[in-house]
Amino acid sequence: LAEPAAQSPAESQLRIRLVLAGLPRPVVQHP
């Protein structure tokens, strides 16, 4: 699940919390 493109610790936490809540994995910094 790790993403080197994450811009901040809070964004990282938001991403994994959404996944843990059952939502599909988002793409980080998608163009």
Full PDB file with SEQRES, HELIX, SHEET, SSBOND, CRYST1, ORIGX, SCALE, CONECT and MASTER records, all heavy atoms in Angstrom:
SEQRES   1 A   31  LEU ALA GLU PRO ALA ALA GLN SER PRO ALA GLU SER GLN          
SEQRES   2 A   31  LEU ARG ILE ARG LEU VAL LEU ALA GLY LEU PRO ARG PRO          
SEQRES   3 A   31  VAL VAL GLN HIS PRO                                          
HELIX    1 AA1 PRO A    9  LEU A   20  1                                  12    
CRYST1    1.000    1.000    1.000  90.00  90.00  90.00 P 1           1          
ORIGX1      1.000000  0.000000  0.000000        0.00000                         
ORIGX2      0.000000  1.000000  0.000000        0.00000                         
ORIGX3      0.000000  0.000000  1.000000        0.00000                         
SCALE1      1.000000  0.000000  0.000000        0.00000                         
SCALE2      0.000000  1.000000  0.000000        0.00000                         
SCALE3      0.000000  0.000000  1.000000        0.00000                         
ATOM      1  N   LEU A   1       0.807  -1.221   0.000  1.00  0.00           N  
ATOM      2  CA  LEU A   1       0.000   0.000   0.000  1.00  0.00           C  
ATOM      3  C   LEU A   1       0.842   1.274   0.000  1.00  0.00           C  
ATOM      4  O   LEU A   1       0.312   2.357  -0.255  1.00  0.00           O  
ATOM      5  CB  LEU A   1      -0.913   0.023   1.230  1.00  0.00           C  
ATOM      6  CG  LEU A   1      -2.193  -0.806   1.169  1.00  0.00           C  
ATOM      7  CD1 LEU A   1      -2.926  -0.718   2.503  1.00  0.00           C  
ATOM      8  CD2 LEU A   1      -3.096  -0.336   0.041  1.00  0.00           C  
ATOM      9  N   ALA A   2       2.115   1.156   0.307  1.00  0.00           N  
ATOM     10  CA  ALA A   2       2.967   2.338   0.424  1.00  0.00           C  
ATOM     11  C   ALA A   2       3.034   3.117  -0.891  1.00  0.00           C  
ATOM     12  O   ALA A   2       3.028   2.533  -1.975  1.00  0.00           O  
ATOM     13  CB  ALA A   2       4.370   1.934   0.861  1.00  0.00           C  
ATOM     14  N   GLU A   3       3.095   4.451  -0.773  1.00  0.00           N  
ATOM     15  CA  GLU A   3       3.114   5.327  -1.946  1.00  0.00           C  
ATOM     16  C   GLU A   3       4.156   6.424  -1.766  1.00  0.00           C  
ATOM     17  O   GLU A   3       3.957   7.351  -0.976  1.00  0.00           O  
ATOM     18  CB  GLU A   3       1.733   5.972  -2.152  1.00  0.00           C  
ATOM     19  CG  GLU A   3       0.632   5.007  -2.543  1.00  0.00           C  
ATOM     20  CD  GLU A   3       0.769   4.527  -3.986  1.00  0.00           C  
ATOM     21  OE1 GLU A   3       1.673   5.021  -4.696  1.00  0.00           O  
ATOM     22  OE2 GLU A   3      -0.027   3.659  -4.390  1.00  0.00           O  
ATOM     23  N   PRO A   4       5.269   6.354  -2.483  1.00  0.00           N  
ATOM     24  CA  PRO A   4       6.289   7.398  -2.351  1.00  0.00           C  
ATOM     25  C   PRO A   4       5.826   8.771  -2.809  1.00  0.00           C  
ATOM     26  O   PRO A   4       6.414   9.786  -2.433  1.00  0.00           O  
ATOM     27  CB  PRO A   4       7.437   6.881  -3.241  1.00  0.00           C  
ATOM     28  CG  PRO A   4       6.803   5.909  -4.179  1.00  0.00           C  
ATOM     29  CD  PRO A   4       5.680   5.281  -3.410  1.00  0.00           C  
ATOM     30  N   ALA A   5       4.738   8.831  -3.604  1.00  0.00           N  
ATOM     31  CA  ALA A   5       4.241  10.124  -4.096  1.00  0.00           C  
ATOM     32  C   ALA A   5       3.403  10.866  -3.070  1.00  0.00           C  
ATOM     33  O   ALA A   5       3.037  12.028  -3.298  1.00  0.00           O  
ATOM     34  CB  ALA A   5       3.423   9.920  -5.371  1.00  0.00           C  
ATOM     35  N   ALA A   6       3.093  10.256  -1.942  1.00  0.00           N  
ATOM     36  CA  ALA A   6       2.285  10.921  -0.917  1.00  0.00           C  
ATOM     37  C   ALA A   6       2.951  12.223  -0.485  1.00  0.00           C  
ATOM     38  O   ALA A   6       4.168  12.270  -0.292  1.00  0.00           O  
ATOM     39  CB  ALA A   6       2.095   9.993   0.280  1.00  0.00           C  
ATOM     40  N   GLN A   7       2.146  13.264  -0.326  1.00  0.00           N  
ATOM     41  CA  GLN A   7       2.686  14.591  -0.063  1.00  0.00           C  
ATOM     42  C   GLN A   7       2.836  14.939   1.418  1.00  0.00           C  
ATOM     43  O   GLN A   7       3.504  15.905   1.757  1.00  0.00           O  
ATOM     44  CB  GLN A   7       1.783  15.636  -0.727  1.00  0.00           C  
ATOM     45  CG  GLN A   7       1.703  15.496  -2.241  1.00  0.00           C  
ATOM     46  CD  GLN A   7       3.031  15.776  -2.911  1.00  0.00           C  
ATOM     47  OE1 GLN A   7       3.532  16.897  -2.890  1.00  0.00           O  
ATOM     48  NE2 GLN A   7       3.620  14.755  -3.510  1.00  0.00           N  
ATOM     49  N   SER A   8       2.186  14.180   2.305  1.00  0.00           N  
ATOM     50  CA  SER A   8       2.278  14.494   3.731  1.00  0.00           C  
ATOM     51  C   SER A   8       1.852  13.288   4.550  1.00  0.00           C  
ATOM     52  O   SER A   8       1.150  12.395   4.046  1.00  0.00           O  
ATOM     53  CB  SER A   8       1.376  15.684   4.079  1.00  0.00           C  
ATOM     54  OG  SER A   8       0.005  15.310   4.019  1.00  0.00           O  
ATOM     55  N   PRO A   9       2.260  13.239   5.826  1.00  0.00           N  
ATOM     56  CA  PRO A   9       1.822  12.142   6.687  1.00  0.00           C  
ATOM     57  C   PRO A   9       0.297  12.068   6.796  1.00  0.00           C  
ATOM     58  O   PRO A   9      -0.266  10.968   6.814  1.00  0.00           O  
ATOM     59  CB  PRO A   9       2.459  12.476   8.043  1.00  0.00           C  
ATOM     60  CG  PRO A   9       3.648  13.308   7.702  1.00  0.00           C  
ATOM     61  CD  PRO A   9       3.243  14.110   6.508  1.00  0.00           C  
ATOM     62  N   ALA A  10      -0.369  13.223   6.855  1.00  0.00           N  
ATOM     63  CA  ALA A  10      -1.834  13.225   6.971  1.00  0.00           C  
ATOM     64  C   ALA A  10      -2.481  12.612   5.734  1.00  0.00           C  
ATOM     65  O   ALA A  10      -3.474  11.876   5.840  1.00  0.00           O  
ATOM     66  CB  ALA A  10      -2.339  14.648   7.187  1.00  0.00           C  
ATOM     67  N   GLU A  11      -1.946  12.892   4.550  1.00  0.00           N  
ATOM     68  CA  GLU A  11      -2.486  12.291   3.328  1.00  0.00           C  
ATOM     69  C   GLU A  11      -2.295  10.775   3.340  1.00  0.00           C  
ATOM     70  O   GLU A  11      -3.166  10.016   2.913  1.00  0.00           O  
ATOM     71  CB  GLU A  11      -1.817  12.896   2.094  1.00  0.00           C  
ATOM     72  CG  GLU A  11      -2.256  14.311   1.799  1.00  0.00           C  
ATOM     73  CD  GLU A  11      -1.556  14.891   0.589  1.00  0.00           C  
ATOM     74  OE1 GLU A  11      -1.126  14.098  -0.280  1.00  0.00           O  
ATOM     75  OE2 GLU A  11      -1.420  16.117   0.517  1.00  0.00           O  
ATOM     76  N   SER A  12      -1.159  10.336   3.842  1.00  0.00           N  
ATOM     77  CA  SER A  12      -0.911   8.893   3.952  1.00  0.00           C  
ATOM     78  C   SER A  12      -1.930   8.254   4.878  1.00  0.00           C  
ATOM     79  O   SER A  12      -2.491   7.186   4.589  1.00  0.00           O  
ATOM     80  CB  SER A  12       0.505   8.636   4.479  1.00  0.00           C  
ATOM     81  OG  SER A  12       1.487   9.137   3.601  1.00  0.00           O  
ATOM     82  N   GLN A  13      -2.178   8.904   6.011  1.00  0.00           N  
ATOM     83  CA  GLN A  13      -3.132   8.371   6.977  1.00  0.00           C  
ATOM     84  C   GLN A  13      -4.547   8.368   6.410  1.00  0.00           C  
ATOM     85  O   GLN A  13      -5.300   7.404   6.603  1.00  0.00           O  
ATOM     86  CB  GLN A  13      -3.059   9.184   8.265  1.00  0.00           C  
ATOM     87  CG  GLN A  13      -1.738   9.009   8.998  1.00  0.00           C  
ATOM     88  CD  GLN A  13      -1.483  10.082  10.041  1.00  0.00           C  
ATOM     89  OE1 GLN A  13      -2.338  10.911  10.321  1.00  0.00           O  
ATOM     90  NE2 GLN A  13      -0.293  10.055  10.622  1.00  0.00           N  
ATOM     91  N   LEU A  14      -4.919   9.427   5.712  1.00  0.00           N  
ATOM     92  CA  LEU A  14      -6.244   9.485   5.096  1.00  0.00           C  
ATOM     93  C   LEU A  14      -6.411   8.343   4.104  1.00  0.00           C  
ATOM     94  O   LEU A  14      -7.446   7.664   4.080  1.00  0.00           O  
ATOM     95  CB  LEU A  14      -6.424  10.832   4.389  1.00  0.00           C  
ATOM     96  CG  LEU A  14      -7.671  10.982   3.512  1.00  0.00           C  
ATOM     97  CD1 LEU A  14      -8.947  10.794   4.326  1.00  0.00           C  
ATOM     98  CD2 LEU A  14      -7.668  12.343   2.809  1.00  0.00           C  
ATOM     99  N   ARG A  15      -5.399   8.101   3.282  1.00  0.00           N  
ATOM    100  CA  ARG A  15      -5.472   7.051   2.259  1.00  0.00           C  
ATOM    101  C   ARG A  15      -5.700   5.687   2.888  1.00  0.00           C  
ATOM    102  O   ARG A  15      -6.602   4.946   2.487  1.00  0.00           O  
ATOM    103  CB  ARG A  15      -4.184   7.050   1.435  1.00  0.00           C  
ATOM    104  CG  ARG A  15      -4.200   6.072   0.272  1.00  0.00           C  
ATOM    105  CD  ARG A  15      -2.894   6.081  -0.489  1.00  0.00           C  
ATOM    106  NE  ARG A  15      -1.839   5.302   0.138  1.00  0.00           N  
ATOM    107  CZ  ARG A  15      -0.782   5.813   0.750  1.00  0.00           C  
ATOM    108  NH1 ARG A  15      -0.609   7.117   0.842  1.00  0.00           N  
ATOM    109  NH2 ARG A  15       0.138   5.021   1.292  1.00  0.00           N  
ATOM    110  N   ILE A  16      -4.904   5.342   3.885  1.00  0.00           N  
ATOM    111  CA  ILE A  16      -5.031   3.992   4.441  1.00  0.00           C  
ATOM    112  C   ILE A  16      -6.302   3.853   5.259  1.00  0.00           C  
ATOM    113  O   ILE A  16      -6.913   2.777   5.303  1.00  0.00           O  
ATOM    114  CB  ILE A  16      -3.787   3.606   5.273  1.00  0.00           C  
ATOM    115  CG1 ILE A  16      -3.774   2.084   5.501  1.00  0.00           C  
ATOM    116  CG2 ILE A  16      -3.754   4.338   6.597  1.00  0.00           C  
ATOM    117  CD1 ILE A  16      -2.491   1.559   6.089  1.00  0.00           C  
ATOM    118  N   ARG A  17      -6.762   4.925   5.877  1.00  0.00           N  
ATOM    119  CA  ARG A  17      -8.012   4.844   6.629  1.00  0.00           C  
ATOM    120  C   ARG A  17      -9.197   4.622   5.689  1.00  0.00           C  
ATOM    121  O   ARG A  17     -10.151   3.906   6.036  1.00  0.00           O  
ATOM    122  CB  ARG A  17      -8.209   6.096   7.476  1.00  0.00           C  
ATOM    123  CG  ARG A  17      -7.254   6.190   8.661  1.00  0.00           C  
ATOM    124  CD  ARG A  17      -7.520   7.405   9.519  1.00  0.00           C  
ATOM    125  NE  ARG A  17      -8.769   7.262  10.268  1.00  0.00           N  
ATOM    126  CZ  ARG A  17      -9.248   8.207  11.072  1.00  0.00           C  
ATOM    127  NH1 ARG A  17      -8.584   9.365  11.211  1.00  0.00           N  
ATOM    128  NH2 ARG A  17     -10.379   8.027  11.723  1.00  0.00           N  
ATOM    129  N   LEU A  18      -9.154   5.215   4.507  1.00  0.00           N  
ATOM    130  CA  LEU A  18     -10.214   4.978   3.535  1.00  0.00           C  
ATOM    131  C   LEU A  18     -10.207   3.516   3.074  1.00  0.00           C  
ATOM    132  O   LEU A  18     -11.261   2.892   2.918  1.00  0.00           O  
ATOM    133  CB  LEU A  18     -10.048   5.914   2.333  1.00  0.00           C  
ATOM    134  CG  LEU A  18     -10.333   7.398   2.588  1.00  0.00           C  
ATOM    135  CD1 LEU A  18      -9.965   8.233   1.364  1.00  0.00           C  
ATOM    136  CD2 LEU A  18     -11.800   7.622   2.955  1.00  0.00           C  
ATOM    137  N   VAL A  19      -9.013   2.979   2.866  1.00  0.00           N  
ATOM    138  CA  VAL A  19      -8.904   1.570   2.453  1.00  0.00           C  
ATOM    139  C   VAL A  19      -9.394   0.653   3.574  1.00  0.00           C  
ATOM    140  O   VAL A  19     -10.134  -0.311   3.334  1.00  0.00           O  
ATOM    141  CB  VAL A  19      -7.446   1.234   2.075  1.00  0.00           C  
ATOM    142  CG1 VAL A  19      -7.284  -0.270   1.839  1.00  0.00           C  
ATOM    143  CG2 VAL A  19      -7.037   1.997   0.817  1.00  0.00           C  
ATOM    144  N   LEU A  20      -9.002   0.945   4.815  1.00  0.00           N  
ATOM    145  CA  LEU A  20      -9.439   0.137   5.947  1.00  0.00           C  
ATOM    146  C   LEU A  20     -10.950   0.223   6.152  1.00  0.00           C  
ATOM    147  O   LEU A  20     -11.559  -0.698   6.717  1.00  0.00           O  
ATOM    148  CB  LEU A  20      -8.722   0.592   7.223  1.00  0.00           C  
ATOM    149  CG  LEU A  20      -7.235   0.206   7.326  1.00  0.00           C  
ATOM    150  CD1 LEU A  20      -6.579   0.913   8.500  1.00  0.00           C  
ATOM    151  CD2 LEU A  20      -7.088  -1.306   7.482  1.00  0.00           C  
ATOM    152  N   ALA A  21     -11.554   1.316   5.686  1.00  0.00           N  
ATOM    153  CA  ALA A  21     -13.007   1.486   5.795  1.00  0.00           C  
ATOM    154  C   ALA A  21     -13.753   0.731   4.705  1.00  0.00           C  
ATOM    155  O   ALA A  21     -14.988   0.768   4.657  1.00  0.00           O  
ATOM    156  CB  ALA A  21     -13.365   2.966   5.749  1.00  0.00           C  
ATOM    157  N   GLY A  22     -13.017   0.062   3.821  1.00  0.00           N  
ATOM    158  CA  GLY A  22     -13.649  -0.752   2.797  1.00  0.00           C  
ATOM    159  C   GLY A  22     -13.788  -0.096   1.442  1.00  0.00           C  
ATOM    160  O   GLY A  22     -14.405  -0.665   0.536  1.00  0.00           O  
ATOM    161  N   LEU A  23     -13.206   1.080   1.264  1.00  0.00           N  
ATOM    162  CA  LEU A  23     -13.275   1.749  -0.032  1.00  0.00           C  
ATOM    163  C   LEU A  23     -12.136   1.262  -0.925  1.00  0.00           C  
ATOM    164  O   LEU A  23     -11.092   0.816  -0.435  1.00  0.00           O  
ATOM    165  CB  LEU A  23     -13.195   3.264   0.156  1.00  0.00           C  
ATOM    166  CG  LEU A  23     -14.357   3.871   0.955  1.00  0.00           C  
ATOM    167  CD1 LEU A  23     -14.170   5.377   1.095  1.00  0.00           C  
ATOM    168  CD2 LEU A  23     -15.694   3.566   0.305  1.00  0.00           C  
ATOM    169  N   PRO A  24     -12.301   1.352  -2.244  1.00  0.00           N  
ATOM    170  CA  PRO A  24     -11.235   0.889  -3.137  1.00  0.00           C  
ATOM    171  C   PRO A  24      -9.988   1.756  -2.993  1.00  0.00           C  
ATOM    172  O   PRO A  24     -10.078   2.940  -2.645  1.00  0.00           O  
ATOM    173  CB  PRO A  24     -11.855   1.027  -4.534  1.00  0.00           C  
ATOM    174  CG  PRO A  24     -12.934   2.042  -4.382  1.00  0.00           C  
ATOM    175  CD  PRO A  24     -13.477   1.858  -2.993  1.00  0.00           C  
ATOM    176  N   ARG A  25      -8.862   1.151  -3.259  1.00  0.00           N  
ATOM    177  CA  ARG A  25      -7.588   1.864  -3.118  1.00  0.00           C  
ATOM    178  C   ARG A  25      -7.496   3.019  -4.116  1.00  0.00           C  
ATOM    179  O   ARG A  25      -7.655   2.816  -5.319  1.00  0.00           O  
ATOM    180  CB  ARG A  25      -6.441   0.885  -3.347  1.00  0.00           C  
ATOM    181  CG  ARG A  25      -5.063   1.510  -3.260  1.00  0.00           C  
ATOM    182  CD  ARG A  25      -4.022   0.427  -3.419  1.00  0.00           C  
ATOM    183  NE  ARG A  25      -2.673   0.972  -3.413  1.00  0.00           N  
ATOM    184  CZ  ARG A  25      -1.570   0.234  -3.422  1.00  0.00           C  
ATOM    185  NH1 ARG A  25      -1.682  -1.093  -3.426  1.00  0.00           N  
ATOM    186  NH2 ARG A  25      -0.374   0.793  -3.414  1.00  0.00           N  
ATOM    187  N   PRO A  26      -7.244   4.224  -3.637  1.00  0.00           N  
ATOM    188  CA  PRO A  26      -7.111   5.357  -4.558  1.00  0.00           C  
ATOM    189  C   PRO A  26      -5.721   5.437  -5.175  1.00  0.00           C  
ATOM    190  O   PRO A  26      -4.764   4.846  -4.662  1.00  0.00           O  
ATOM    191  CB  PRO A  26      -7.365   6.568  -3.660  1.00  0.00           C  
ATOM    192  CG  PRO A  26      -6.853   6.131  -2.325  1.00  0.00           C  
ATOM    193  CD  PRO A  26      -7.141   4.644  -2.236  1.00  0.00           C  
ATOM    194  N   VAL A  27      -5.621   6.169  -6.263  1.00  0.00           N  
ATOM    195  CA  VAL A  27      -4.334   6.434  -6.905  1.00  0.00           C  
ATOM    196  C   VAL A  27      -3.800   7.746  -6.346  1.00  0.00           C  
ATOM    197  O   VAL A  27      -4.529   8.737  -6.226  1.00  0.00           O  
ATOM    198  CB  VAL A  27      -4.491   6.540  -8.437  1.00  0.00           C  
ATOM    199  CG1 VAL A  27      -3.144   6.847  -9.092  1.00  0.00           C  
ATOM    200  CG2 VAL A  27      -5.078   5.250  -8.995  1.00  0.00           C  
ATOM    201  N   VAL A  28      -2.535   7.772  -5.991  1.00  0.00           N  
ATOM    202  CA  VAL A  28      -1.917   8.969  -5.417  1.00  0.00           C  
ATOM    203  C   VAL A  28      -1.318   9.833  -6.525  1.00  0.00           C  
ATOM    204  O   VAL A  28      -0.571   9.342  -7.374  1.00  0.00           O  
ATOM    205  CB  VAL A  28      -0.821   8.578  -4.396  1.00  0.00           C  
ATOM    206  CG1 VAL A  28      -0.119   9.816  -3.858  1.00  0.00           C  
ATOM    207  CG2 VAL A  28      -1.435   7.771  -3.261  1.00  0.00           C  
ATOM    208  N   GLN A  29      -1.673  11.124  -6.514  1.00  0.00           N  
ATOM    209  CA  GLN A  29      -1.132  12.093  -7.476  1.00  0.00           C  
ATOM    210  C   GLN A  29      -1.365  11.645  -8.927  1.00  0.00           C  
ATOM    211  O   GLN A  29      -0.468  11.707  -9.767  1.00  0.00           O  
ATOM    212  CB  GLN A  29       0.361  12.320  -7.212  1.00  0.00           C  
ATOM    213  CG  GLN A  29       0.682  12.863  -5.826  1.00  0.00           C  
ATOM    214  CD  GLN A  29       0.101  14.247  -5.577  1.00  0.00           C  
ATOM    215  OE1 GLN A  29       0.249  15.144  -6.401  1.00  0.00           O  
ATOM    216  NE2 GLN A  29      -0.569  14.425  -4.451  1.00  0.00           N  
ATOM    217  N   HIS A  30      -2.569  11.202  -9.213  1.00  0.00           N  
ATOM    218  CA  HIS A  30      -2.914  10.764 -10.572  1.00  0.00           C  
ATOM    219  C   HIS A  30      -2.909  11.958 -11.531  1.00  0.00           C  
ATOM    220  O   HIS A  30      -3.506  12.999 -11.234  1.00  0.00           O  
ATOM    221  CB  HIS A  30      -4.299  10.128 -10.569  1.00  0.00           C  
ATOM    222  CG  HIS A  30      -4.795   9.737 -11.930  1.00  0.00           C  
ATOM    223  ND1 HIS A  30      -4.248   8.687 -12.630  1.00  0.00           N  
ATOM    224  CD2 HIS A  30      -5.781  10.267 -12.716  1.00  0.00           C  
ATOM    225  CE1 HIS A  30      -4.884   8.572 -13.799  1.00  0.00           C  
ATOM    226  NE2 HIS A  30      -5.810   9.508 -13.868  1.00  0.00           N  
ATOM    227  N   PRO A  31      -2.248  11.879 -12.692  1.00  0.00           N  
ATOM    228  CA  PRO A  31      -2.218  13.003 -13.631  1.00  0.00           C  
ATOM    229  C   PRO A  31      -3.558  13.175 -14.355  1.00  0.00           C  
ATOM    230  O   PRO A  31      -4.085  12.219 -14.918  1.00  0.00           O  
ATOM    231  CB  PRO A  31      -1.101  12.618 -14.610  1.00  0.00           C  
ATOM    232  CG  PRO A  31      -1.061  11.116 -14.557  1.00  0.00           C  
ATOM    233  CD  PRO A  31      -1.415  10.739 -13.148  1.00  0.00           C  
TER     234      PRO A  31                                                      
MASTER        0    0    0    1    0    0    0    6  233    1    0    3          
END                                                                             
